[in-house]
């Protein structure tokens, strides 16, 4: 007999749901299938890349349901709302329909910053004298 029932994904949540400049966001969901184990899960935003082409999620059995989780790196995402879609695949190869949650990027995520000081009174391009090894400089890649 061929299994034809699909997994069901529910409880999709992003935390925090509003980034306020946070770079890493936790994504969690629950999956259930009456006939099979859940083997894969994925998430995506924007256009659907097709089953199996999203970003992988961790899958673990909690005794009743399957917990799905991932960390989304929102570094560089523009300010705005993003619908995060999640789906799961069972052992028979059946994919669930997508379920979603909204992630709001409220501040541009910060660029990687590098703080440093010099060993001695070294001249740095774009920095006015006097130079001192106690000065702390910030480099924002520009």
Protein backbone atom coordinates (compact mmCIF):
# COMPACT_ATOMS: atom_id res chain seq x y z
CA UNK A 1 0.00 0.00 0.00
CA UNK A 2 1.31 3.43 -0.92
CA UNK A 3 1.11 6.08 1.77
CA UNK A 4 -0.57 9.20 0.46
CA UNK A 5 -1.27 11.26 3.57
CA UNK A 6 0.77 14.41 3.98
CA UNK A 7 2.55 15.77 7.04
CA UNK A 8 0.94 18.73 8.76
CA UNK A 9 3.08 21.66 9.90
CA UNK A 10 1.79 23.98 12.61
CA UNK A 11 2.91 26.47 15.26
CA UNK A 12 5.36 28.29 12.99
CA UNK A 13 7.03 31.06 14.99
CA UNK A 14 9.98 33.41 14.64
CA UNK A 15 11.60 34.84 17.76
CA UNK A 16 11.98 37.68 17.96
CA UNK A 17 9.25 38.44 15.45
CA UNK A 18 10.57 41.99 15.11
CA UNK A 19 14.33 42.20 14.79
CA UNK A 20 15.13 45.69 16.14
CA UNK A 21 18.61 45.21 14.69
CA UNK A 22 19.02 41.61 15.88
CA UNK A 23 20.99 39.55 13.40
CA UNK A 24 20.04 35.98 14.43
CA UNK A 25 16.39 34.92 14.66
CA UNK A 26 15.07 31.55 15.90
CA UNK A 27 12.57 29.74 13.70
CA UNK A 28 10.48 26.93 15.21
CA UNK A 29 7.54 24.81 14.08
CA UNK A 30 5.86 21.48 14.78
CA UNK A 31 5.11 18.69 12.30
CA UNK A 32 2.87 15.64 12.60
CA UNK A 33 2.24 12.68 10.32
CA UNK A 34 -0.15 9.84 11.14
CA UNK A 35 1.72 7.21 9.11
CA UNK A 36 5.41 8.15 8.85
CA UNK A 37 8.32 9.78 10.54
CA UNK A 38 9.28 13.29 9.52
CA UNK A 39 12.70 13.14 7.90
CA UNK A 40 13.23 16.62 6.45
CA UNK A 41 12.06 20.16 6.95
CA UNK A 42 12.93 23.42 5.23
CA UNK A 43 12.15 27.11 5.23
CA UNK A 44 12.21 29.85 2.60
CA UNK A 45 11.07 33.39 2.02
CA UNK A 46 9.95 34.95 -1.23
CA UNK A 47 9.26 32.79 -4.27
CA UNK A 48 8.89 29.07 -3.57
CA UNK A 49 12.13 27.37 -4.67
CA UNK A 50 10.36 24.00 -4.95
CA UNK A 51 10.23 21.03 -2.60
CA UNK A 52 13.65 20.16 -1.26
CA UNK A 53 15.26 23.43 -2.36
CA UNK A 54 14.67 25.56 0.75
CA UNK A 55 17.03 26.05 3.68
CA UNK A 56 17.27 22.93 5.84
CA UNK A 57 15.88 22.79 9.36
CA UNK A 58 16.76 20.49 12.24
CA UNK A 59 14.16 17.78 12.93
CA UNK A 60 13.74 16.01 16.28
CA UNK A 61 11.00 13.81 17.77
CA UNK A 62 9.62 15.05 21.08
CA UNK A 63 7.60 11.93 21.91
CA UNK A 64 4.39 13.11 20.26
CA UNK A 65 5.26 15.45 17.40
CA UNK A 66 8.32 16.47 15.45
CA UNK A 67 10.05 19.72 16.40
CA UNK A 68 11.47 21.72 13.51
CA UNK A 69 14.04 24.43 14.17
CA UNK A 70 16.54 26.71 12.47
CA UNK A 71 18.41 29.93 13.04
CA UNK A 72 17.85 32.61 10.41
CA UNK A 73 20.74 34.98 9.80
CA UNK A 74 19.01 38.25 8.90
CA UNK A 75 22.30 40.10 8.47
CA UNK A 76 21.93 42.42 5.51
CA UNK A 77 18.15 42.02 5.13
CA UNK A 78 16.40 45.26 4.23
CA UNK A 79 13.81 46.82 6.52
CA UNK A 80 10.38 45.28 5.92
CA UNK A 81 8.14 42.27 6.48
CA UNK A 82 9.20 38.80 5.33
CA UNK A 83 6.87 35.82 5.23
CA UNK A 84 8.83 32.76 6.36
CA UNK A 85 7.39 29.55 4.90
CA UNK A 86 8.03 26.11 6.47
CA UNK A 87 7.29 22.64 5.14
CA UNK A 88 8.20 19.06 6.11
CA UNK A 89 8.68 15.76 4.29
CA UNK A 90 7.80 12.35 5.66
CA UNK A 91 9.60 9.03 5.18
CA UNK A 92 7.29 8.18 2.26
CA UNK A 93 8.44 11.30 0.39
CA UNK A 94 5.25 13.31 0.89
CA UNK A 95 5.74 17.05 1.44
CA UNK A 96 3.39 19.07 3.62
CA UNK A 97 1.72 22.24 2.44
CA UNK A 98 3.58 25.32 3.67
CA UNK A 99 2.70 27.18 6.84
CA UNK A 100 4.11 30.58 7.62
CA UNK A 101 4.95 33.31 10.08
CA UNK A 102 6.00 36.91 9.49
CA UNK A 103 9.42 38.26 10.42
CA UNK A 104 9.61 42.05 10.60
CA UNK A 105 13.04 43.59 10.07
CA UNK A 106 12.67 46.95 11.79
CA UNK A 107 16.23 48.22 11.64
CA UNK A 108 18.91 47.47 9.14
CA UNK A 109 21.14 44.83 10.62
CA UNK A 110 24.54 46.19 11.52
CA UNK A 111 27.56 45.52 9.37
CA UNK A 112 30.37 43.55 10.92
CA UNK A 113 32.47 45.98 12.92
CA UNK A 114 36.11 45.63 13.90
CA UNK A 115 37.58 47.48 16.87
CA UNK A 116 41.35 47.70 17.21
CA UNK A 117 44.20 49.74 18.56
CA UNK A 118 47.75 50.10 17.29
CA UNK A 119 50.95 48.88 18.93
CA UNK A 120 52.38 52.37 18.88
CA UNK A 121 51.59 55.82 17.53
CA UNK A 122 50.85 54.63 13.99
CA UNK A 123 49.28 56.85 11.35
CA UNK A 124 46.01 55.49 9.94
CA UNK A 125 44.44 56.65 6.65
CA UNK A 126 41.56 59.03 7.27
CA UNK A 127 42.43 59.50 10.98
CA UNK A 128 43.79 62.86 12.10
CA UNK A 129 46.83 63.11 14.39
CA UNK A 130 47.81 62.90 17.17
CA UNK A 131 48.15 59.09 17.13
CA UNK A 132 48.27 57.09 20.33
CA UNK A 133 48.39 53.36 21.05
CA UNK A 134 45.64 53.88 23.63
CA UNK A 135 43.19 55.05 20.95
CA UNK A 136 40.55 52.51 19.92
CA UNK A 137 39.56 52.62 16.26
CA UNK A 138 36.46 51.28 14.56
CA UNK A 139 36.52 49.80 11.06
CA UNK A 140 33.13 49.24 9.41
CA UNK A 141 34.57 47.90 6.11
CA UNK A 142 34.42 51.34 4.50
